[in-house]
Amino acid sequence: MTRQTYTQPKCPECQYRKPPSEFRDPATHEPLPACKHCMRKAQRAGGQRWTA
């Protein structure tokens, strides 16, 4: 059995380890600086579209 916990990237915003798919834009598949949850949160707070 392989341990996945330490291979998952950690979100710099919420400090949670999440699967790599959480750090990709579903539309463009670009890598994101934070997980999707934090990106949406930042988008609501800031109003402008975030850039990867």
N, C-alpha and C. Protein backbone atom coordinates (compact mmCIF):
# COMPACT_ATOMS: atom_id res chain seq x y z
N MET A 1 0.85 -1.20 0.00
CA MET A 1 0.00 0.00 0.00
C MET A 1 0.88 1.25 0.00
N THR A 2 0.58 2.17 -0.88
CA THR A 2 1.38 3.39 -0.95
C THR A 2 0.72 4.50 -0.16
N ARG A 3 1.55 5.32 0.47
CA ARG A 3 1.02 6.43 1.25
C ARG A 3 0.93 7.67 0.38
N GLN A 4 -0.28 8.19 0.25
CA GLN A 4 -0.51 9.34 -0.62
C GLN A 4 -0.39 10.68 0.11
N THR A 5 -0.47 10.65 1.43
CA THR A 5 -0.61 11.90 2.19
C THR A 5 0.51 12.90 1.91
N TYR A 6 1.76 12.44 1.92
CA TYR A 6 2.84 13.41 1.78
C TYR A 6 3.10 13.80 0.33
N THR A 7 2.54 13.07 -0.63
CA THR A 7 2.75 13.43 -2.04
C THR A 7 1.73 14.46 -2.51
N GLN A 8 0.66 14.65 -1.75
CA GLN A 8 -0.34 15.63 -2.16
C GLN A 8 0.16 17.04 -1.86
N PRO A 9 -0.03 17.95 -2.81
CA PRO A 9 0.39 19.34 -2.58
C PRO A 9 -0.44 20.00 -1.49
N LYS A 10 0.18 20.92 -0.77
CA LYS A 10 -0.53 21.64 0.29
C LYS A 10 -0.91 23.02 -0.22
N CYS A 11 -2.16 23.38 0.04
CA CYS A 11 -2.62 24.70 -0.37
C CYS A 11 -2.00 25.77 0.53
N PRO A 12 -1.38 26.78 -0.05
CA PRO A 12 -0.76 27.84 0.78
C PRO A 12 -1.79 28.69 1.52
N GLU A 13 -3.03 28.71 1.04
CA GLU A 13 -4.08 29.50 1.68
C GLU A 13 -4.65 28.82 2.91
N CYS A 14 -5.20 27.59 2.70
CA CYS A 14 -5.92 26.93 3.81
C CYS A 14 -5.06 25.89 4.53
N GLN A 15 -3.86 25.61 3.99
CA GLN A 15 -2.92 24.67 4.62
C GLN A 15 -3.41 23.22 4.62
N TYR A 16 -4.41 22.90 3.80
CA TYR A 16 -4.87 21.52 3.68
C TYR A 16 -4.15 20.83 2.53
N ARG A 17 -3.87 19.55 2.71
CA ARG A 17 -3.33 18.77 1.60
C ARG A 17 -4.49 18.25 0.77
N LYS A 18 -4.42 18.48 -0.53
CA LYS A 18 -5.52 18.10 -1.41
C LYS A 18 -4.96 17.40 -2.64
N PRO A 19 -5.80 16.63 -3.35
CA PRO A 19 -5.32 15.96 -4.56
C PRO A 19 -4.88 16.98 -5.61
N PRO A 20 -3.94 16.59 -6.47
CA PRO A 20 -3.42 17.53 -7.49
C PRO A 20 -4.52 18.11 -8.38
N SER A 21 -5.61 17.38 -8.57
CA SER A 21 -6.71 17.89 -9.41
C SER A 21 -7.32 19.16 -8.82
N GLU A 22 -7.20 19.33 -7.49
CA GLU A 22 -7.74 20.53 -6.85
C GLU A 22 -6.94 21.78 -7.21
N PHE A 23 -5.75 21.59 -7.74
CA PHE A 23 -4.88 22.72 -8.06
C PHE A 23 -4.82 22.99 -9.56
N ARG A 24 -5.82 22.48 -10.29
CA ARG A 24 -5.88 22.74 -11.73
C ARG A 24 -7.20 23.42 -12.07
N ASP A 25 -7.12 24.38 -12.97
CA ASP A 25 -8.33 25.05 -13.44
C ASP A 25 -9.12 24.07 -14.29
N PRO A 26 -10.39 23.80 -13.93
CA PRO A 26 -11.16 22.81 -14.70
C PRO A 26 -11.39 23.22 -16.14
N ALA A 27 -11.41 24.50 -16.43
CA ALA A 27 -11.66 24.97 -17.79
C ALA A 27 -10.40 24.94 -18.64
N THR A 28 -9.31 25.50 -18.12
CA THR A 28 -8.08 25.63 -18.91
C THR A 28 -7.02 24.59 -18.56
N HIS A 29 -7.21 23.90 -17.43
CA HIS A 29 -6.24 22.92 -16.92
C HIS A 29 -4.90 23.54 -16.58
N GLU A 30 -4.91 24.84 -16.32
CA GLU A 30 -3.68 25.51 -15.88
C GLU A 30 -3.47 25.24 -14.39
N PRO A 31 -2.22 25.14 -13.96
CA PRO A 31 -1.97 24.99 -12.52
C PRO A 31 -2.40 26.27 -11.78
N LEU A 32 -2.99 26.07 -10.61
CA LEU A 32 -3.43 27.21 -9.81
C LEU A 32 -2.50 27.41 -8.62
N PRO A 33 -2.36 28.65 -8.13
CA PRO A 33 -1.50 28.90 -6.97
C PRO A 33 -2.12 28.39 -5.67
N ALA A 34 -3.43 28.16 -5.65
CA ALA A 34 -4.10 27.64 -4.45
C ALA A 34 -5.19 26.68 -4.90
N CYS A 35 -5.81 26.00 -3.95
CA CYS A 35 -6.85 25.03 -4.31
C CYS A 35 -8.10 25.75 -4.83
N LYS A 36 -8.96 25.00 -5.50
CA LYS A 36 -10.15 25.59 -6.12
C LYS A 36 -11.01 26.32 -5.10
N HIS A 37 -11.14 25.73 -3.90
CA HIS A 37 -11.97 26.35 -2.87
C HIS A 37 -11.44 27.74 -2.52
N CYS A 38 -10.14 27.84 -2.30
CA CYS A 38 -9.54 29.13 -1.93
C CYS A 38 -9.58 30.12 -3.10
N MET A 39 -9.46 29.60 -4.33
CA MET A 39 -9.50 30.48 -5.48
C MET A 39 -10.89 31.10 -5.62
N ARG A 40 -11.92 30.29 -5.39
CA ARG A 40 -13.29 30.81 -5.46
C ARG A 40 -13.53 31.84 -4.36
N LYS A 41 -12.99 31.54 -3.18
CA LYS A 41 -13.13 32.45 -2.04
C LYS A 41 -12.46 33.79 -2.35
N ALA A 42 -11.26 33.72 -2.92
CA ALA A 42 -10.52 34.93 -3.26
C ALA A 42 -11.23 35.71 -4.37
N GLN A 43 -11.84 34.97 -5.28
CA GLN A 43 -12.55 35.61 -6.38
C GLN A 43 -13.74 36.41 -5.86
N ARG A 44 -14.47 35.82 -4.90
CA ARG A 44 -15.62 36.50 -4.32
C ARG A 44 -15.18 37.74 -3.54
N ALA A 45 -14.09 37.61 -2.80
CA ALA A 45 -13.62 38.70 -1.96
C ALA A 45 -13.04 39.85 -2.82
N GLY A 46 -12.23 39.48 -3.81
CA GLY A 46 -11.53 40.49 -4.60
C GLY A 46 -12.35 41.04 -5.75
N GLY A 47 -13.15 40.18 -6.37
CA GLY A 47 -13.96 40.64 -7.48
C GLY A 47 -13.29 40.42 -8.83
N GLN A 48 -11.97 40.57 -8.90
CA GLN A 48 -11.29 40.37 -10.18
C GLN A 48 -10.94 38.91 -10.39
N ARG A 49 -10.77 38.53 -11.65
CA ARG A 49 -10.43 37.14 -11.96
C ARG A 49 -8.98 36.89 -11.57
N TRP A 50 -8.75 35.77 -10.89
CA TRP A 50 -7.39 35.43 -10.47
C TRP A 50 -6.58 34.91 -11.64
N THR A 51 -5.28 35.08 -11.55
CA THR A 51 -4.38 34.55 -12.59
C THR A 51 -3.48 33.50 -11.97
N ALA A 52 -3.22 32.47 -12.73
CA ALA A 52 -2.42 31.34 -12.22
C ALA A 52 -0.95 31.69 -12.15
